[in-house]
Amino acid sequence: MNPTTPNLPGCGHVTFLGAGPGDPGLLTLRAVEALGAADVLIADPQVLDVVRRHVRPGVAAEAQGAPQPESHPLTNGHVPVLRDAANLVMAAARTGRRVVRAVAGDPGLDGYASEEMLACAAEGVVFEVVPGVASLVGVPAYAGVPLRDAQGADVRFVDARTAGDRCWSELGASDATAVVSATLETVVSAAAELVAAGRKPDTPLTVTVAGTTTRQRTWTATLGTVAQVLKAAKVLPSPQGGQPVIAVVGERSAAAQRDQLAWFESKPLFGWQVLVPRTKEQAASLSDQLRSYGAVPSEVPTIAVEPPRTPQQMERAVKGLVTGRYEWIAFTSVNAVKAVREKFEEYGLDARAFAGIKVAAVGEQTARALVEFGVKPDLVPSGEQSAAGLLEDWPPYDPVFDPIDRVFLPRADIATETLVAGLIELGWEVDDVTAYRTVRASPPPAETREAIKGGGFDAVLFTSSSTVRNLVGIAGKPHNVTVIACIGPATAKTAEEHGLRVDVLSPEPSVHKLAQALADFGAARRQAALEAGDPVTRPSERRPGSRRRARS
C-alpha cells in the first residue's frame, strides 16, 4: 500500500518505521516521506526529536512510555487512557488515520515492534515496515569499528539482556566478531561471560555509548581490562551506568584500526557546545556548518529586528525606486534586504522594480538574499566584505555616464557613517534611510545564562561588536574556559574591552570563514593533545579546575 494515497473512511494504516540509532541524518528518504504523510506519530522517547521535525504542523506526536495526561489526545478524552504503544497504535488506526510508529534502530530487530505488528494483523489493520539503520550496525560504523574484512569473518549479534548460557558458550567457542547490546553496567559481566566460555582475556573490545550522536564516546579495551578502563574513565560506578552501549568483541575492534578509522569522533569540533549569538534567521546556515564539524550549536538571539519608528522615510525611498530617483541601491546586511522586500510586498511590487537600478551588496549572505529575491547584485566587494571594501570598488560619480547622482542606502539605525561619508567623497548624493531598528533581545532562559557564565559552552562565535555587547548585557560574560571567536578586528577589540580573551580571529569578515577558523582551532588543539599523549577533551571539561584556580 502506498502511504501517500488517501485513507479510506474507517480504514487506518500503520507504518512501522526505523528511526536509526540517533543521528537525524540517518533517516531514510522513505522514512521522511512516511513521516510527512502521517496523521499521528507514536515514537520511542529516544528518537521522538529525530522524527517529529518531519511531520506536518498540528500532527499529534506521542512518546511511547512518556507520562500521560488524564485523557489522551488521540481519543479526545472519550475513552480511558491507553498507556502502551500497541494500544496507542490500535486506537489511532481504528479511527481511520495514518499512524507512524517510530522505533529506535530497525523495527525488524525490535521485539516489541513485532508484537505491535501482530496486533495490527489480528485486527486486519493494514501496515507496512520501513527499515532503518540498526544500532548494532550503525553505532560500530560511527565508532570506526568494521565488523567484517575481506576474509568475511562471521558476525554474531547478541542482546546481553536475554542471552543465555548456550549463547555465551557458542560465542566463547568461536572466533566470530560479537556485537553485544548491553549497558555500561552489564557490559563488564558480558565480557566475563565470554572469557568464562573460552574467549581469551586479551581479545580486543570497544564500548560505545550514545552512538551516532555528538555525545558519542568510545573506549578501547580487552575482555580482561574493560572493567578497569571504564573505572579509569570514571563512567563506572556511576548513576548513568544504565546507559545503553554497543560493544564489539574481536580483532576488528583493535585500537590500531580504530585510530585510523574513527572518522566521527575525530571531527575538529566533535561534541563542542557552541553558542551562536545571532538572530534566528541569520544563525541557520552557520549552525548547519558547525554541525558538519561535529559541534552542537545553540542559537541565542541577542538582537531583535524591528521596523523603524517613523516609516514615512522608508516609504518615500521605496517609491523613489519605482519613479527613477536612484542610480544605485546599496545593501549592507540581510536585514536591509528583508526590510526592502517586505515594503515591496506591501505595495504589490517584486524584483522587476529594480530594473534600471544598479545594486550593490556587502557580504556573501547579503548577496544570496538578493538572489533569492530575484536580484543579481552588480557590485560586490572584491576584497574585504565591509563598507570600506565596498568603497574600494565603488565608481566615482561621472555626470557623463551617470544620469542620476543619488544612492539609496537602507540600513540599521545604529550603522556607522563610513559608507555615507565615502560615497559623498566620490561625488554621490546619499539617501541614508533607517530601514530597520536593532534592539537588544530578551534574556535567554536561566539555564542558558548559567551555562554561559559557568563554562558550559565550549566556544562562542561573535559576528559583530553588537553581539558582544548584547550577549554580555542579557546573559553575562562567558567563562574564561570558553573559546572566544570573533569575525574581525573591531569585534575582537570590543570583546577585549569586555574582558574577554580572543582565541580565534576569522581571516575574512565572513561567518563561514569564522566557523572554519574555529574548526581549524579545534583540529590543532586535538592534534596537540594526541601528540602529547593527553586525552582529547573539550574546553568546557577544564571547567572545574579553572574554577578552583580562579578562587585560589
Protein backbone atom coordinates (compact mmCIF):
# COMPACT_ATOMS: atom_id res chain seq x y z
CA MET A 1 0.00 0.00 0.00
CA ASN A 2 1.31 3.46 -0.91
CA PRO A 3 1.27 5.59 2.26
CA THR A 4 0.89 8.77 0.22
CA THR A 5 -2.54 7.71 -1.05
CA PRO A 6 -5.64 8.94 0.82
CA ASN A 7 -7.06 6.76 3.58
CA LEU A 8 -10.40 5.10 3.05
CA PRO A 9 -13.02 6.07 5.67
CA GLY A 10 -12.58 3.93 8.78
CA CYS A 11 -9.55 2.15 7.36
CA GLY A 12 -6.41 3.00 9.28
CA HIS A 13 -2.86 2.36 8.20
CA VAL A 14 0.27 1.90 10.30
CA THR A 15 3.87 2.42 9.22
CA PHE A 16 6.47 0.79 11.47
CA LEU A 17 9.48 2.96 10.87
CA GLY A 18 13.12 2.56 11.86
CA ALA A 19 14.47 5.90 13.07
CA GLY A 20 18.08 4.74 13.32
CA PRO A 21 20.48 4.94 16.26
CA GLY A 22 20.16 8.67 16.92
CA ASP A 23 21.76 10.74 14.15
CA PRO A 24 18.87 12.56 12.38
CA GLY A 25 20.81 12.30 9.12
CA LEU A 26 20.42 8.52 9.10
CA LEU A 27 16.67 8.64 8.44
CA THR A 28 15.97 7.15 5.01
CA LEU A 29 14.21 9.09 2.26
CA ARG A 30 11.33 6.64 2.56
CA ALA A 31 11.10 7.34 6.30
CA VAL A 32 10.91 11.10 5.72
CA GLU A 33 8.19 10.56 3.10
CA ALA A 34 6.12 8.43 5.50
CA LEU A 35 6.51 10.96 8.31
CA GLY A 36 5.32 13.74 6.02
CA ALA A 37 2.11 11.80 5.34
CA ALA A 38 1.41 10.88 8.99
CA ASP A 39 -1.73 11.89 10.86
CA VAL A 40 -0.42 10.51 14.16
CA LEU A 41 3.16 9.91 15.33
CA ILE A 42 3.99 7.45 18.11
CA ALA A 43 7.71 7.20 18.81
CA ASP A 44 10.22 5.72 21.20
CA PRO A 45 11.25 8.57 23.53
CA GLN A 46 14.89 8.49 22.42
CA VAL A 47 14.00 9.18 18.76
CA LEU A 48 10.98 11.48 19.16
CA ASP A 49 13.04 14.62 18.45
CA VAL A 50 14.66 12.91 15.45
CA VAL A 51 11.37 12.15 13.69
CA ARG A 52 8.86 14.81 14.69
CA ARG A 53 10.64 17.57 12.78
CA HIS A 54 9.46 15.82 9.59
CA VAL A 55 5.73 15.64 10.39
CA ARG A 56 3.21 18.27 9.37
CA PRO A 57 2.31 21.06 11.84
CA GLY A 58 -0.51 20.02 14.15
CA VAL A 59 0.10 16.27 13.87
CA ALA A 60 -0.38 14.51 17.22
CA ALA A 61 3.01 13.31 18.47
CA GLU A 62 3.39 10.82 21.30
CA ALA A 63 6.50 9.48 23.05
CA GLN A 64 5.71 5.87 23.93
CA GLY A 65 6.34 5.36 27.61
CA ALA A 66 6.13 9.08 28.47
CA PRO A 67 3.76 10.27 31.24
CA GLN A 68 0.20 10.60 30.01
CA PRO A 69 -2.46 13.22 30.79
CA GLU A 70 -5.83 12.21 32.16
CA SER A 71 -7.23 11.92 28.63
CA HIS A 72 -5.23 11.01 25.57
CA PRO A 73 -5.11 13.42 22.59
CA LEU A 74 -5.75 10.57 20.16
CA THR A 75 -9.09 9.82 21.78
CA ASN A 76 -10.30 13.36 22.53
CA GLY A 77 -10.98 12.28 26.10
CA HIS A 78 -13.82 9.86 25.23
CA VAL A 79 -12.14 6.62 26.29
CA PRO A 80 -9.73 5.68 29.10
CA VAL A 81 -6.02 6.40 28.71
CA LEU A 82 -4.12 3.74 26.73
CA ARG A 83 -0.63 3.58 28.13
CA ASP A 84 1.25 1.06 25.98
CA ALA A 85 2.39 1.54 22.41
CA ALA A 86 0.34 -1.31 20.91
CA ASN A 87 -2.89 0.12 22.31
CA LEU A 88 -1.96 3.64 21.23
CA VAL A 89 -1.29 2.44 17.70
CA MET A 90 -4.52 0.47 17.51
CA ALA A 91 -6.61 3.30 18.99
CA ALA A 92 -5.40 5.71 16.32
CA ALA A 93 -5.65 3.19 13.47
CA ARG A 94 -9.28 2.36 14.32
CA THR A 95 -10.22 5.97 13.63
CA GLY A 96 -9.01 5.64 10.05
CA ARG A 97 -5.88 7.73 10.47
CA ARG A 98 -2.42 7.14 9.12
CA VAL A 99 -0.16 6.20 12.02
CA VAL A 100 3.64 6.21 12.03
CA ARG A 101 5.18 4.11 14.79
CA ALA A 102 8.85 5.12 15.00
CA VAL A 103 11.28 2.84 16.83
CA ALA A 104 14.96 3.30 17.58
CA GLY A 105 17.21 1.43 15.18
CA ASP A 106 15.39 -1.00 12.90
CA PRO A 107 11.89 -2.40 13.54
CA GLY A 108 12.98 -5.84 12.32
CA LEU A 109 15.29 -6.13 15.33
CA ASP A 110 12.77 -4.75 17.81
CA GLY A 111 10.80 -7.49 19.56
CA TYR A 112 8.15 -5.09 20.82
CA ALA A 113 7.56 -3.76 17.29
CA SER A 114 6.91 -7.29 16.06
CA GLU A 115 4.26 -7.72 18.77
CA GLU A 116 2.61 -4.49 17.63
CA MET A 117 2.64 -5.74 14.04
CA LEU A 118 0.90 -8.94 15.16
CA ALA A 119 -1.74 -6.85 16.93
CA CYS A 120 -2.39 -4.98 13.66
CA ALA A 121 -2.60 -8.24 11.72
CA ALA A 122 -5.06 -9.70 14.26
CA GLU A 123 -7.45 -6.78 13.74
CA GLY A 124 -6.98 -6.53 10.00
CA VAL A 125 -5.22 -3.16 10.13
CA VAL A 126 -3.04 -2.62 7.08
CA PHE A 127 0.60 -1.94 7.95
CA GLU A 128 3.98 -1.63 6.32
CA VAL A 129 7.59 -1.66 7.53
CA VAL A 130 10.21 0.96 6.67
CA PRO A 131 13.63 -0.43 7.67
CA GLY A 132 16.10 1.81 9.45
CA VAL A 133 19.79 1.75 10.27
CA ALA A 134 20.13 -0.82 13.05
CA SER A 135 22.02 0.37 16.14
CA LEU A 136 24.05 -2.85 16.12
CA VAL A 137 25.42 -1.89 12.70
CA GLY A 138 25.28 1.91 12.69
CA VAL A 139 26.99 2.51 16.03
CA PRO A 140 30.14 0.46 15.21
CA ALA A 141 30.35 2.24 11.85
CA TYR A 142 30.34 5.64 13.61
CA ALA A 143 32.87 4.34 16.15
CA GLY A 144 35.29 3.34 13.38
CA VAL A 145 34.94 -0.38 14.10
CA PRO A 146 34.44 -2.53 10.95
CA LEU A 147 32.58 -5.76 11.63
CA ARG A 148 33.97 -7.72 8.68
CA ASP A 149 37.04 -7.71 6.47
CA ALA A 150 37.85 -9.13 3.03
CA GLN A 151 38.08 -12.62 4.54
CA GLY A 152 34.44 -12.40 5.57
CA ALA A 153 34.53 -13.39 9.23
CA ASP A 154 31.30 -14.38 10.97
CA VAL A 155 29.38 -11.69 12.86
CA ARG A 156 27.04 -12.53 15.76
CA PHE A 157 24.56 -10.09 17.29
CA VAL A 158 23.77 -10.54 20.97
CA ASP A 159 21.38 -8.86 23.38
CA ALA A 160 23.00 -9.21 26.80
CA ARG A 161 19.60 -8.88 28.50
CA THR A 162 18.28 -12.10 27.02
CA ALA A 163 21.43 -14.10 26.19
CA GLY A 164 21.56 -17.49 27.94
CA ASP A 165 24.34 -19.91 28.77
CA ARG A 166 24.09 -21.59 25.37
CA CYS A 167 24.55 -18.28 23.57
CA TRP A 168 27.66 -17.36 25.58
CA SER A 169 29.10 -20.86 25.17
CA GLU A 170 28.74 -20.74 21.38
CA LEU A 171 30.35 -17.30 21.21
CA GLY A 172 33.15 -18.33 23.53
CA ALA A 173 34.00 -21.31 21.38
CA SER A 174 34.08 -19.31 18.11
CA ASP A 175 36.27 -16.56 16.69
CA ALA A 176 33.30 -14.63 15.30
CA THR A 177 33.00 -10.90 15.82
CA ALA A 178 30.42 -10.39 18.55
CA VAL A 179 28.29 -7.23 18.57
CA VAL A 180 26.74 -7.01 22.03
CA SER A 181 23.87 -4.75 23.04
CA ALA A 182 24.27 -4.03 26.77
CA THR A 183 24.56 -1.18 29.29
CA LEU A 184 27.63 0.35 30.89
CA GLU A 185 26.95 -1.76 33.96
CA THR A 186 26.25 -5.08 32.20
CA VAL A 187 28.99 -4.90 29.54
CA VAL A 188 31.56 -5.91 32.17
CA SER A 189 29.61 -9.04 33.12
CA ALA A 190 29.09 -9.82 29.40
CA ALA A 191 32.87 -9.68 28.92
CA ALA A 192 33.30 -12.03 31.89
CA GLU A 193 30.78 -14.46 30.37
CA LEU A 194 32.78 -14.58 27.13
CA VAL A 195 36.07 -15.19 28.97
CA ALA A 196 34.46 -17.91 31.07
CA ALA A 197 33.17 -19.51 27.85
CA GLY A 198 36.63 -19.65 26.27
CA ARG A 199 37.47 -16.30 24.70
CA LYS A 200 40.97 -15.07 25.51
CA PRO A 201 41.12 -12.19 28.01
CA ASP A 202 43.31 -10.19 25.59
CA THR A 203 40.62 -10.23 22.87
CA PRO A 204 40.09 -6.59 21.77
CA LEU A 205 36.87 -4.90 22.79
CA THR A 206 35.31 -1.49 22.07
CA VAL A 207 32.44 0.01 24.04
CA THR A 208 30.41 2.89 22.56
CA VAL A 209 27.81 4.95 24.39
CA ALA A 210 25.35 7.42 22.73
CA GLY A 211 26.42 6.12 19.32
CA THR A 212 25.93 8.28 16.20
CA THR A 213 25.19 11.39 18.28
CA THR A 214 27.55 14.19 19.26
CA ARG A 215 27.57 12.71 22.77
CA GLN A 216 29.17 9.52 21.42
CA ARG A 217 32.13 8.20 23.34
CA THR A 218 34.13 5.03 22.66
CA TRP A 219 36.56 3.18 24.89
CA THR A 220 39.05 0.60 23.62
CA ALA A 221 39.96 -2.24 25.96
CA THR A 222 40.13 -6.04 26.08
CA LEU A 223 37.74 -8.54 27.60
CA GLY A 224 40.04 -8.71 30.60
CA THR A 225 40.59 -4.98 31.09
CA VAL A 226 37.20 -3.44 30.27
CA ALA A 227 36.23 -3.03 33.93
CA GLN A 228 39.43 -1.14 34.72
CA VAL A 229 39.16 1.03 31.61
CA LEU A 230 35.60 2.11 32.41
CA LYS A 231 36.51 2.78 36.05
CA ALA A 232 39.55 4.82 34.97
CA ALA A 233 37.28 6.83 32.67
CA LYS A 234 35.04 7.48 35.70
CA VAL A 235 31.91 6.18 33.98
CA LEU A 236 31.68 3.25 36.40
CA PRO A 237 30.42 3.21 39.04
CA SER A 238 28.02 5.97 38.04
CA PRO A 239 24.32 6.87 38.20
CA GLN A 240 24.45 6.72 34.38
CA GLY A 241 25.50 3.07 34.43
CA GLY A 242 22.21 2.06 32.85
CA GLN A 243 23.04 3.84 29.60
CA PRO A 244 22.78 1.55 26.55
CA VAL A 245 26.06 0.67 24.86
CA ILE A 246 27.17 -1.30 21.83
CA ALA A 247 30.24 -3.43 22.45
CA VAL A 248 32.22 -5.06 19.64
CA VAL A 249 34.40 -8.03 20.51
CA GLY A 250 37.02 -9.29 18.05
CA GLU A 251 40.18 -8.37 16.22
CA ARG A 252 38.36 -5.81 14.07
CA SER A 253 37.89 -3.55 17.08
CA ALA A 254 41.65 -3.39 17.72
CA ALA A 255 42.98 0.01 18.77
CA ALA A 256 45.39 0.17 15.82
CA GLN A 257 42.48 0.11 13.37
CA ARG A 258 40.23 2.43 15.35
CA ASP A 259 42.93 5.08 15.47
CA GLN A 260 42.75 5.22 11.68
CA LEU A 261 39.02 4.67 11.19
CA ALA A 262 37.40 6.74 13.97
CA TRP A 263 36.12 9.34 11.50
CA PHE A 264 33.19 10.62 13.56
CA GLU A 265 34.75 11.27 16.96
CA SER A 266 37.80 12.85 15.28
CA LYS A 267 35.82 15.73 13.76
CA PRO A 268 37.51 19.01 14.72
CA LEU A 269 34.70 20.27 16.99
CA PHE A 270 33.26 16.92 18.00
CA GLY A 271 30.82 17.36 20.87
CA TRP A 272 31.62 21.05 21.36
CA GLN A 273 28.71 23.12 22.64
CA VAL A 274 28.97 26.29 20.54
CA LEU A 275 26.97 29.41 21.28
CA VAL A 276 25.72 31.25 18.20
CA PRO A 277 24.52 34.70 19.34
CA ARG A 278 22.65 35.88 16.25
CA THR A 279 19.09 36.31 15.10
CA LYS A 280 17.33 33.02 14.36
CA GLU A 281 17.22 33.61 10.60
CA GLN A 282 20.92 34.51 10.41
CA ALA A 283 22.03 31.55 12.56
CA ALA A 284 20.58 28.74 10.43
CA SER A 285 23.32 28.30 7.81
CA LEU A 286 26.07 28.91 10.37
CA SER A 287 24.61 26.23 12.66
CA ASP A 288 24.47 23.75 9.78
CA GLN A 289 28.16 24.37 9.09
CA LEU A 290 29.06 23.90 12.76
CA ARG A 291 27.17 20.58 12.83
CA SER A 292 29.26 19.38 9.89
CA TYR A 293 32.32 19.84 12.13
CA GLY A 294 30.70 17.76 14.89
CA ALA A 295 29.61 20.69 17.06
CA VAL A 296 26.29 21.17 18.86
CA PRO A 297 25.21 24.75 18.10
CA SER A 298 22.91 26.66 20.45
CA GLU A 299 21.27 29.68 18.84
CA VAL A 300 20.72 32.53 21.30
CA PRO A 301 19.31 35.68 19.70
CA THR A 302 20.98 38.79 21.07
CA ILE A 303 19.47 41.23 18.60
CA ALA A 304 15.83 41.70 17.71
CA VAL A 305 14.97 43.47 14.45
CA GLU A 306 12.04 45.88 14.50
CA PRO A 307 10.53 48.33 11.97
CA PRO A 308 11.67 51.98 12.09
CA ARG A 309 9.74 54.22 14.47
CA THR A 310 8.75 56.52 11.59
CA PRO A 311 8.14 54.51 8.39
CA GLN A 312 7.49 57.53 6.14
CA GLN A 313 11.15 57.95 5.11
CA MET A 314 11.36 54.30 4.05
CA GLU A 315 8.08 54.56 2.16
CA ARG A 316 9.27 57.61 0.21
CA ALA A 317 12.55 55.90 -0.68
CA VAL A 318 10.84 52.74 -1.98
CA LYS A 319 8.51 54.87 -4.11
CA GLY A 320 11.60 56.69 -5.37
CA LEU A 321 12.99 53.39 -6.60
CA VAL A 322 9.97 52.96 -8.83
CA THR A 323 9.95 56.54 -10.11
CA GLY A 324 13.63 56.58 -11.10
CA ARG A 325 15.07 58.70 -8.29
CA TYR A 326 18.13 56.48 -7.76
CA GLU A 327 21.09 55.28 -9.78
CA TRP A 328 22.23 52.82 -7.07
CA ILE A 329 20.87 50.96 -4.07
CA ALA A 330 23.37 49.52 -1.58
CA PHE A 331 22.55 46.67 0.80
CA THR A 332 24.91 46.11 3.73
CA SER A 333 23.01 43.33 5.50
CA VAL A 334 20.45 40.58 5.08
CA ASN A 335 18.09 42.56 7.29
CA ALA A 336 18.23 45.50 4.87
CA VAL A 337 17.24 43.18 2.01
CA LYS A 338 14.41 41.80 4.12
CA ALA A 339 13.15 45.29 5.03
CA VAL A 340 13.02 46.45 1.40
CA ARG A 341 11.48 43.18 0.26
CA GLU A 342 8.70 43.49 2.86
CA LYS A 343 7.94 47.03 1.66
CA PHE A 344 7.83 45.79 -1.92
CA GLU A 345 5.34 43.09 -0.97
CA GLU A 346 3.27 45.66 0.93
CA TYR A 347 2.97 47.72 -2.27
CA GLY A 348 2.47 44.71 -4.55
CA LEU A 349 5.92 45.07 -6.12
CA ASP A 350 8.51 42.43 -6.95
CA ALA A 351 12.11 42.25 -8.17
CA ARG A 352 11.17 43.83 -11.50
CA ALA A 353 11.04 47.20 -9.71
CA PHE A 354 14.86 47.10 -9.64
CA ALA A 355 15.00 47.37 -13.45
CA GLY A 356 17.48 50.07 -14.47
CA ILE A 357 18.92 50.41 -10.95
CA LYS A 358 22.41 49.22 -10.05
CA VAL A 359 22.55 47.06 -6.94
CA ALA A 360 25.49 46.70 -4.53
CA ALA A 361 25.80 44.17 -1.70
CA VAL A 362 28.25 43.65 1.15
CA GLY A 363 28.84 40.04 2.14
CA GLU A 364 28.00 36.66 0.64
CA GLN A 365 24.85 36.22 2.72
CA THR A 366 23.50 39.61 1.67
CA ALA A 367 24.18 38.77 -1.97
CA ARG A 368 22.49 35.39 -1.53
CA ALA A 369 19.41 37.05 0.00
CA LEU A 370 19.18 39.31 -3.05
CA VAL A 371 19.48 36.39 -5.47
CA GLU A 372 16.68 34.62 -3.58
CA PHE A 373 14.62 37.78 -4.11
CA GLY A 374 15.37 37.60 -7.83
CA VAL A 375 18.03 40.32 -7.97
CA LYS A 376 21.63 39.73 -9.06
CA PRO A 377 24.00 42.30 -7.48
CA ASP A 378 26.01 44.44 -9.88
CA LEU A 379 28.70 45.15 -7.33
CA VAL A 380 30.10 43.01 -4.51
CA PRO A 381 33.42 43.98 -2.87
CA SER A 382 36.33 42.13 -4.45
CA GLY A 383 38.30 42.32 -1.22
CA GLU A 384 37.17 42.92 2.35
CA GLN A 385 33.44 42.32 2.78
CA SER A 386 32.70 45.58 4.60
CA ALA A 387 31.67 49.16 3.96
CA ALA A 388 35.34 50.04 3.43
CA GLY A 389 35.72 47.17 0.99
CA LEU A 390 32.66 48.33 -0.93
CA LEU A 391 34.05 51.87 -1.20
CA GLU A 392 37.30 50.49 -2.63
CA ASP A 393 35.36 49.21 -5.67
CA TRP A 394 32.61 51.85 -5.87
CA PRO A 395 32.95 54.04 -9.00
CA PRO A 396 33.07 57.84 -8.58
CA TYR A 397 30.13 59.81 -9.87
CA ASP A 398 30.56 60.76 -13.54
CA PRO A 399 27.95 63.20 -14.90
CA VAL A 400 28.63 61.98 -18.44
CA PHE A 401 27.87 58.30 -17.76
CA ASP A 402 25.61 58.53 -14.69
CA PRO A 403 22.25 60.17 -15.47
CA ILE A 404 21.33 60.21 -11.77
CA ASP A 405 23.66 61.06 -8.89
CA ARG A 406 21.70 59.58 -5.99
CA VAL A 407 22.20 56.40 -3.92
CA PHE A 408 19.55 54.74 -1.73
CA LEU A 409 21.15 53.25 1.39
CA PRO A 410 18.66 51.25 3.53
CA ARG A 411 20.31 50.24 6.79
CA ALA A 412 20.08 49.85 10.55
CA ASP A 413 19.53 52.74 12.91
CA ILE A 414 22.91 52.10 14.59
CA ALA A 415 25.01 51.74 11.42
CA THR A 416 28.29 53.66 11.15
CA GLU A 417 28.75 56.65 8.85
CA THR A 418 31.73 55.20 6.96
CA LEU A 419 29.82 54.28 3.82
CA VAL A 420 27.82 57.52 3.66
CA ALA A 421 30.91 59.69 4.02
CA GLY A 422 32.83 57.64 1.47
CA LEU A 423 30.06 57.86 -1.14
CA ILE A 424 29.79 61.62 -0.68
CA GLU A 425 33.55 61.91 -1.24
CA LEU A 426 33.07 60.01 -4.51
CA GLY A 427 30.57 62.63 -5.62
CA TRP A 428 27.30 60.85 -4.86
CA GLU A 429 24.22 62.14 -3.09
CA VAL A 430 23.05 59.64 -0.47
CA ASP A 431 19.58 58.99 0.92
CA ASP A 432 20.62 57.38 4.20
CA VAL A 433 17.38 55.68 5.30
CA THR A 434 16.65 53.79 8.52
CA ALA A 435 15.10 50.59 7.16
CA TYR A 436 15.02 48.75 10.49
CA ARG A 437 15.97 49.11 14.12
CA THR A 438 18.13 46.69 16.07
CA VAL A 439 17.24 46.33 19.72
CA ARG A 440 18.60 44.11 22.44
CA ALA A 441 16.78 40.78 22.58
CA SER A 442 15.17 39.38 25.71
CA PRO A 443 17.45 37.43 28.07
CA PRO A 444 17.74 33.69 27.33
CA PRO A 445 16.42 31.14 29.85
CA ALA A 446 18.15 30.93 33.24
CA GLU A 447 19.69 27.57 32.31
CA THR A 448 21.38 29.11 29.26
CA ARG A 449 22.62 32.12 31.23
CA GLU A 450 24.14 29.80 33.83
CA ALA A 451 25.84 27.74 31.09
CA ILE A 452 27.32 30.91 29.57
CA LYS A 453 28.69 32.25 32.85
CA GLY A 454 29.58 28.84 34.30
CA GLY A 455 31.61 27.47 31.40
CA GLY A 456 29.00 25.12 29.96
CA PHE A 457 29.79 26.29 26.41
CA ASP A 458 32.99 25.29 24.68
CA ALA A 459 33.02 28.24 22.30
CA VAL A 460 31.07 31.35 21.36
CA LEU A 461 31.05 33.00 17.94
CA PHE A 462 30.82 36.78 17.87
CA THR A 463 29.81 38.13 14.48
CA SER A 464 29.71 41.83 15.35
CA SER A 465 30.52 44.22 18.15
CA SER A 466 26.82 44.48 18.96
CA THR A 467 26.58 40.72 19.55
CA VAL A 468 29.37 41.05 22.14
CA ARG A 469 27.72 43.96 23.93
CA ASN A 470 24.25 42.47 23.80
CA LEU A 471 25.24 38.95 24.91
CA VAL A 472 27.13 40.30 27.91
CA GLY A 473 24.21 42.61 28.63
CA ILE A 474 21.46 39.97 28.56
CA ALA A 475 23.33 36.87 29.76
CA GLY A 476 26.64 37.84 31.36
CA LYS A 477 30.28 37.36 30.39
CA PRO A 478 31.33 33.93 29.07
CA HIS A 479 33.50 31.84 31.41
CA ASN A 480 37.27 32.01 30.91
CA VAL A 481 37.45 28.39 29.64
CA THR A 482 35.15 29.24 26.73
CA VAL A 483 36.91 29.74 23.39
CA ILE A 484 36.09 33.20 22.01
CA ALA A 485 35.96 33.50 18.22
CA CYS A 486 35.49 36.89 16.53
CA ILE A 487 34.66 37.79 12.95
CA GLY A 488 37.10 40.71 12.68
CA PRO A 489 39.43 43.14 14.48
CA ALA A 490 36.66 45.57 15.50
CA THR A 491 34.62 42.76 17.07
CA ALA A 492 37.74 41.38 18.76
CA LYS A 493 38.52 44.82 20.21
CA THR A 494 35.01 45.05 21.66
CA ALA A 495 35.36 41.56 23.16
CA GLU A 496 38.68 42.52 24.78
CA GLU A 497 37.13 45.72 26.14
CA HIS A 498 34.59 43.47 27.89
CA GLY A 499 37.38 41.46 29.50
CA LEU A 500 37.28 38.50 27.09
CA ARG A 501 40.35 36.68 25.75
CA VAL A 502 40.04 36.31 21.97
CA ASP A 503 41.29 32.90 20.85
CA VAL A 504 40.17 32.81 17.21
CA LEU A 505 40.05 35.61 14.64
CA SER A 506 38.45 35.00 11.27
CA PRO A 507 40.82 35.64 8.32
CA GLU A 508 37.93 37.33 6.49
CA PRO A 509 34.75 39.06 7.74
CA SER A 510 32.54 36.09 6.82
CA VAL A 511 30.53 33.93 9.20
CA HIS A 512 31.51 30.82 7.27
CA LYS A 513 35.21 31.72 7.41
CA LEU A 514 34.73 32.31 11.13
CA ALA A 515 33.27 28.82 11.60
CA GLN A 516 36.12 27.35 9.55
CA ALA A 517 38.65 29.22 11.69
CA LEU A 518 37.09 27.75 14.84
CA ALA A 519 37.21 24.27 13.28
CA ASP A 520 40.92 24.79 12.46
CA PHE A 521 41.50 25.85 16.07
CA GLY A 522 39.73 22.73 17.33
CA ALA A 523 41.70 20.48 14.97
CA ALA A 524 45.01 21.99 16.10
CA ARG A 525 44.01 21.62 19.74
CA ARG A 526 43.08 17.99 19.18
CA GLN A 527 46.34 17.24 17.37
CA ALA A 528 48.39 18.85 20.13
CA ALA A 529 46.70 16.66 22.74
CA LEU A 530 47.33 13.50 20.71
CA GLU A 531 51.00 14.37 20.15
CA ALA A 532 51.43 15.00 23.87
CA GLY A 533 49.77 11.69 24.72
CA ASP A 534 46.96 13.50 26.54
CA PRO A 535 43.26 12.65 26.28
CA VAL A 536 41.30 14.77 23.81
CA THR A 537 38.95 16.94 25.86
CA ARG A 538 36.60 19.82 25.16
CA PRO A 539 37.33 23.27 26.60
CA SER A 540 34.35 23.00 28.98
CA GLU A 541 35.84 19.85 30.51
CA ARG A 542 38.57 22.04 32.03
CA ARG A 543 35.90 23.99 33.89
CA PRO A 544 36.20 22.58 37.46
CA GLY A 545 39.97 23.13 37.55
CA SER A 546 39.59 26.62 36.14
CA ARG A 547 37.05 27.46 38.82
CA ARG A 548 39.35 26.24 41.58
CA ARG A 549 42.25 28.26 40.19
CA ALA A 550 40.05 31.34 39.96
CA ARG A 551 39.22 31.09 43.66
CA SER A 552 42.80 30.49 44.81
